[in-house]
Protein backbone atom coordinates (compact mmCIF):
# COMPACT_ATOMS: atom_id res chain seq x y z
CA MET A 1 91.08 102.46 122.77
CA ALA A 2 90.56 103.46 126.39
CA SER A 3 93.35 102.44 128.72
CA GLY A 4 90.69 101.17 131.13
CA SER A 5 89.91 98.34 128.72
CA LYS A 6 93.49 97.12 128.81
CA LYS A 7 93.61 97.32 132.60
CA VAL A 8 90.50 95.16 132.89
CA ILE A 9 91.91 92.60 130.46
CA TYR A 10 95.31 92.46 132.15
CA ALA A 11 93.66 91.97 135.55
CA ALA A 12 91.53 89.13 134.18
CA LEU A 13 94.52 87.59 132.38
CA ILE A 14 96.65 87.39 135.52
CA GLY A 15 93.78 86.08 137.61
CA ASN A 16 92.67 83.41 135.13
CA THR A 17 96.22 82.16 134.58
CA LEU A 18 96.73 81.54 138.29
CA ILE A 19 93.25 80.12 138.77
CA SER A 20 93.51 77.68 135.82
CA ILE A 21 96.76 76.23 137.18
CA THR A 22 95.27 75.62 140.62
CA LYS A 23 92.05 74.13 139.17
CA PHE A 24 93.91 71.66 136.97
CA PHE A 25 96.09 70.68 139.93
CA ALA A 26 93.01 70.07 142.07
CA ALA A 27 91.28 68.11 139.29
CA PHE A 28 94.38 65.92 138.88
CA LEU A 29 94.51 65.15 142.61
CA THR A 30 90.79 64.56 143.17
CA GLY A 31 89.49 63.31 139.81
CA SER A 32 86.61 65.81 139.87
CA SER A 33 84.89 66.29 136.50
CA ALA A 34 83.43 69.65 137.56
CA MET A 35 86.85 70.88 138.64
CA LEU A 36 88.36 69.76 135.33
CA SER A 37 85.65 71.71 133.49
CA GLU A 38 86.42 74.74 135.61
CA GLY A 39 90.13 74.39 134.77
CA ILE A 40 89.28 74.25 131.05
CA HIS A 41 87.00 77.26 131.51
CA SER A 42 89.76 79.36 133.13
CA LEU A 43 92.31 78.25 130.52
CA VAL A 44 89.98 79.31 127.69
CA ASP A 45 89.38 82.63 129.44
CA THR A 46 93.15 83.15 129.69
CA GLY A 47 93.52 82.56 125.95
CA ASN A 48 90.59 84.89 125.30
CA GLN A 49 92.28 87.74 127.13
CA VAL A 50 95.43 87.22 125.06
CA LEU A 51 93.33 87.45 121.88
CA LEU A 52 91.57 90.61 123.09
CA LEU A 53 94.92 92.26 123.81
CA HIS A 54 96.12 91.21 120.36
CA GLY A 55 92.99 92.71 118.81
CA ILE A 56 93.48 96.00 120.67
CA LYS A 57 97.11 96.18 119.55
CA GLN A 58 96.21 95.49 115.92
CA SER A 59 93.37 98.03 115.98
CA GLU A 60 95.81 100.77 116.95
CA LYS A 61 97.84 100.39 113.75
CA PRO A 62 97.71 103.55 111.59
CA ALA A 63 95.79 103.65 108.32
CA ASP A 64 97.70 102.74 105.18
CA GLU A 65 97.11 102.38 101.46
CA ASP A 66 95.46 98.97 101.79
CA PHE A 67 93.31 99.96 104.78
CA PRO A 68 92.63 103.71 104.37
CA PHE A 69 90.18 103.77 107.29
CA GLY A 70 92.56 102.02 109.64
CA TYR A 71 92.45 98.70 111.48
CA GLY A 72 89.90 99.62 114.16
CA LYS A 73 87.64 96.66 113.36
CA GLU A 74 90.39 94.23 114.37
CA VAL A 75 89.12 94.47 117.95
CA TYR A 76 85.61 93.51 116.75
CA PHE A 77 86.94 90.52 114.81
CA TRP A 78 88.94 89.15 117.73
CA SER A 79 86.05 89.80 120.12
CA PHE A 80 83.88 87.64 117.87
CA ILE A 81 86.56 84.93 117.80
CA VAL A 82 86.62 85.01 121.61
CA ALA A 83 82.86 84.39 121.67
CA ILE A 84 83.26 81.40 119.34
CA LEU A 85 86.12 79.97 121.40
CA ILE A 86 84.01 80.13 124.57
CA PHE A 87 81.39 78.12 122.67
CA ALA A 88 83.66 75.59 120.97
CA LEU A 89 86.32 75.01 123.62
CA GLY A 90 84.91 76.08 126.96
CA GLY A 91 81.32 74.93 126.58
CA GLY A 92 81.91 71.97 124.26
CA ILE A 93 84.72 70.36 126.24
CA SER A 94 82.97 70.89 129.58
CA ILE A 95 79.80 69.17 128.32
CA TYR A 96 81.88 66.37 126.78
CA GLU A 97 83.75 65.78 130.03
CA GLY A 98 80.51 65.83 131.97
CA ILE A 99 78.86 63.25 129.70
CA LYS A 100 82.01 61.11 129.73
CA HIS A 101 82.09 60.99 133.54
CA LEU A 102 78.31 60.58 133.65
CA GLN A 103 78.70 57.32 131.73
CA ASN A 104 81.56 56.20 133.98
CA PRO A 105 81.19 58.07 137.26
CA GLU A 106 84.22 58.11 139.55
CA PRO A 107 84.17 59.11 143.23
CA ILE A 108 86.03 62.26 144.26
CA THR A 109 89.04 61.22 146.35
CA ASP A 110 89.73 64.38 148.38
CA PRO A 111 87.03 67.06 147.99
CA SER A 112 88.60 69.34 150.59
CA ILE A 113 91.22 70.36 148.01
CA ASN A 114 88.44 71.32 145.60
CA TYR A 115 86.74 73.46 148.24
CA ILE A 116 89.96 75.35 148.95
CA VAL A 117 90.61 75.94 145.26
CA LEU A 118 87.01 76.97 144.59
CA GLY A 119 87.10 79.37 147.52
CA LEU A 120 90.30 81.01 146.31
CA ALA A 121 88.98 81.12 142.75
CA LEU A 122 85.80 82.87 143.92
CA ILE A 123 87.92 85.50 145.64
CA PHE A 124 90.14 86.08 142.58
CA GLU A 125 87.27 85.96 140.09
CA GLY A 126 85.20 88.24 142.32
CA ALA A 127 88.00 90.79 142.39
CA ALA A 128 88.40 90.65 138.59
CA TRP A 129 84.61 90.89 138.15
CA TYR A 130 84.41 93.92 140.44
CA PHE A 131 87.25 95.61 138.54
CA ALA A 132 85.50 94.99 135.19
CA PHE A 133 82.11 96.05 136.60
CA LYS A 134 83.57 99.25 138.02
CA GLU A 135 85.21 100.13 134.70
CA PHE A 136 82.02 99.34 132.77
CA SER A 137 80.00 101.51 135.17
CA LYS A 138 82.26 104.46 134.28
CA VAL A 139 81.51 104.24 130.56
CA LYS A 140 77.81 103.30 130.63
CA GLY A 141 76.73 106.92 131.12
CA LYS A 142 72.99 107.50 131.55
CA TRP A 143 72.04 104.10 130.11
CA THR A 144 71.02 101.12 132.17
CA TYR A 145 73.52 98.26 132.19
CA LEU A 146 71.58 96.28 129.58
CA GLN A 147 71.27 99.36 127.36
CA ALA A 148 74.99 100.07 127.78
CA ILE A 149 75.87 96.53 126.65
CA LYS A 150 73.66 96.99 123.59
CA HIS A 151 74.97 100.46 122.68
CA THR A 152 78.64 100.31 123.64
CA LYS A 153 81.09 100.26 120.74
CA ASP A 154 83.99 98.87 122.81
CA PRO A 155 83.19 95.17 123.38
CA SER A 156 86.39 94.33 125.26
CA VAL A 157 85.15 95.52 128.67
CA PHE A 158 81.74 93.84 128.60
CA ILE A 159 83.26 90.63 127.22
CA VAL A 160 85.53 90.40 130.25
CA LEU A 161 82.56 91.26 132.49
CA PHE A 162 80.48 88.48 130.90
CA GLU A 163 83.37 86.01 131.16
CA ASP A 164 83.85 86.77 134.84
CA SER A 165 80.11 86.54 135.49
CA ALA A 166 80.01 83.14 133.79
CA ALA A 167 83.11 82.09 135.73
CA MET A 168 81.55 82.95 139.09
CA SER A 169 78.34 81.15 138.15
CA GLY A 170 80.39 78.11 137.10
CA LEU A 171 82.28 78.13 140.40
CA LEU A 172 79.04 78.10 142.36
CA VAL A 173 77.71 75.22 140.24
CA ALA A 174 80.96 73.29 140.71
CA PHE A 175 80.84 73.87 144.47
CA ILE A 176 77.25 72.58 144.70
CA GLY A 177 77.98 69.58 142.44
CA ILE A 178 81.05 68.52 144.41
CA ALA A 179 79.28 69.00 147.75
CA LEU A 180 76.28 66.91 146.64
CA ALA A 181 78.57 64.18 145.31
CA GLN A 182 80.44 64.10 148.64
CA TYR A 183 77.49 64.13 151.03
CA THR A 184 75.17 61.83 149.07
CA GLY A 185 77.80 59.48 147.70
CA ILE A 186 76.23 59.85 144.24
CA ALA A 187 79.13 60.65 141.89
CA ILE A 188 76.92 61.75 138.98
CA PHE A 189 76.22 65.08 140.71
CA ASP A 190 79.80 66.06 139.88
CA SER A 191 79.23 65.11 136.22
CA ILE A 192 75.94 67.02 136.09
CA ALA A 193 77.72 70.09 137.44
CA SER A 194 80.25 69.81 134.60
CA ILE A 195 77.45 69.71 132.03
CA LEU A 196 75.74 72.72 133.64
CA ILE A 197 79.02 74.66 133.54
CA GLY A 198 79.22 73.88 129.82
CA MET A 199 75.66 75.14 129.31
CA ILE A 200 76.52 78.39 131.11
CA LEU A 201 79.47 78.87 128.77
CA LEU A 202 77.35 78.10 125.70
CA GLY A 203 74.77 80.69 126.75
CA THR A 204 77.49 83.28 127.38
CA SER A 205 79.06 82.54 124.01
CA ILE A 206 75.80 82.95 122.09
CA TRP A 207 75.06 86.26 123.82
CA LEU A 208 78.55 87.64 123.19
CA ALA A 209 78.49 86.55 119.54
CA TYR A 210 75.14 88.29 119.08
CA GLU A 211 76.38 91.53 120.67
CA THR A 212 79.63 91.68 118.66
CA LYS A 213 78.14 90.66 115.29
CA GLY A 214 76.64 94.07 114.59
CA LEU A 215 79.92 95.84 115.30
CA LEU A 216 81.80 93.43 113.07
CA ILE A 217 79.59 93.89 110.00
CA GLY A 218 79.28 97.67 110.41
CA GLU A 219 77.08 99.19 113.11
CA SER A 220 76.03 102.83 112.99
CA ALA A 221 76.73 105.41 115.66
CA ASN A 222 74.21 105.80 118.45
CA LYS A 223 70.94 107.53 117.51
CA GLU A 224 71.70 110.42 119.84
CA VAL A 225 74.95 111.14 117.98
CA ILE A 226 73.15 111.06 114.62
CA SER A 227 70.43 113.43 115.92
CA ARG A 228 73.04 115.89 117.18
CA ILE A 229 74.85 115.81 113.82
CA LYS A 230 71.57 116.66 112.07
CA ARG A 231 70.97 119.57 114.46
CA THR A 232 74.45 120.89 113.76
CA LEU A 233 73.83 120.69 110.01
CA ILE A 234 70.41 122.32 110.00
CA LYS A 235 71.74 125.34 111.92
CA SER A 236 73.67 126.37 108.84
CA SER A 237 71.89 129.17 106.97
CA LEU A 238 72.66 127.56 103.60
CA VAL A 239 71.28 124.09 104.44
CA GLU A 240 67.74 123.64 103.15
CA HIS A 241 67.32 120.03 104.22
CA VAL A 242 69.38 117.12 105.60
CA ASN A 243 68.60 114.15 103.40
CA GLU A 244 70.42 111.47 105.41
CA VAL A 245 73.26 110.90 107.82
CA LEU A 246 74.97 107.54 107.37
CA THR A 247 77.50 106.51 109.99
CA MET A 248 79.62 103.44 110.66
CA HIS A 249 81.92 102.50 113.51
CA MET A 250 85.31 101.58 112.07
CA GLY A 251 86.48 101.01 115.65
CA PRO A 252 85.43 101.90 119.21
CA ASP A 253 86.75 105.46 118.81
CA TYR A 254 86.49 105.87 115.03
CA ILE A 255 83.26 106.86 113.28
CA LEU A 256 82.89 107.38 109.55
CA ALA A 257 80.12 109.83 108.57
CA ASN A 258 78.62 110.16 105.07
CA ILE A 259 76.12 113.01 104.85
CA SER A 260 73.72 114.06 102.11
CA VAL A 261 72.55 117.71 102.23
CA ASP A 262 70.25 119.81 100.06
CA PHE A 263 71.67 123.35 99.94
CA ARG A 264 69.58 126.41 99.20
CA ASN A 265 69.25 127.28 95.51
CA SER A 266 70.77 130.70 96.16
CA ALA A 267 74.08 129.18 97.33
CA THR A 268 77.00 129.50 94.94
CA ALA A 269 79.65 126.82 94.42
CA GLN A 270 82.05 128.81 96.60
CA ASP A 271 79.38 129.14 99.32
CA ILE A 272 78.85 125.39 99.31
CA GLU A 273 82.58 124.67 99.52
CA ASP A 274 83.00 127.05 102.45
CA THR A 275 79.94 125.65 104.24
CA VAL A 276 81.08 122.04 103.78
CA SER A 277 84.46 122.94 105.24
CA GLN A 278 82.89 124.73 108.21
CA LEU A 279 80.40 121.94 108.91
CA THR A 280 83.13 119.30 108.73
CA SER A 281 85.20 121.19 111.29
CA LYS A 282 82.21 121.70 113.61
CA ILE A 283 81.21 118.03 113.49
CA LYS A 284 84.74 116.80 114.20
CA LYS A 285 85.12 119.29 117.05
CA GLU A 286 81.82 118.32 118.67
CA PHE A 287 82.41 114.59 118.12
CA PRO A 288 86.13 113.74 118.43
CA GLU A 289 85.36 110.11 117.62
CA ILE A 290 84.24 111.11 114.12
CA LYS A 291 87.48 110.95 112.17
CA ARG A 292 86.24 111.19 108.57
CA VAL A 293 83.31 113.25 107.25
CA PHE A 294 82.00 113.23 103.69
CA ILE A 295 79.30 115.79 102.84
CA GLU A 296 77.50 115.45 99.50
CA ALA A 297 75.33 118.16 97.93
CA GLU A 298 72.18 116.44 96.62
CA ARG A 299 68.71 117.62 95.69
CA ARG A 300 66.03 116.76 98.23
CA VAL A 301 63.99 113.78 97.10
CA THR A 302 60.29 114.14 97.84
CA LYS A 303 58.62 110.83 98.73
CA LEU A 304 55.26 110.25 97.10
């Protein structure tokens, strides 16, 4: 697990902890539904960062008899749990609070406190977002940002980036809702803002769950990696045909490769053993993230 991922999570954890405390304090003083939703949002984000750090720590445990391929998928499991928590807690409670105050709207007593808190929160969230964005830009390579989100095998960085993006959007919605409620005297604008914040969180949750699902159930390595493995194999003088290359990410930096190869009929058993050993070493050297390689000698199957 890249140390950059932990740095991003720690930065977001510290920021969200401080922000959630100030938001709840402001909501208590002013009675703002939107501010309460924002406090819940930041509190959920704080818990999410704790879960991501726990997942990273668990994924670094060495392989044992019960889990011979290690615990790398722990980070995928906890990333998926984070997505569900954003949906269930962040989005659900925010919408509930918004509907509750919509039915019984209450005027905001001192909106100036909310503006100060929202301004500070935008600064802190913006700094955390920039830190996450900068780290994600380092690892995206030649892909576009959307392609990088789709192809990355380390969900922790883009989860924090998505959380911070949703947080900044929620802050802007809260600011608009509170301002409209103050200047029009119509208290339901504050409640509507709370509901909109909940909808933003629901959308973020669904997207994150979709992106982490594939990694959780067993996503293959990127197509470019698979193509390069095939090119490495076919260069061997004893390889007649590469039947298939099956890969699976057991963690962000752990790929399992199962390869089926048709060797030339002239190859002896000793030749095949030597070639398998050489190919395994070459593949691991070229792709350090491939930790286990299994090469099977199988006759080429001709499709009719």
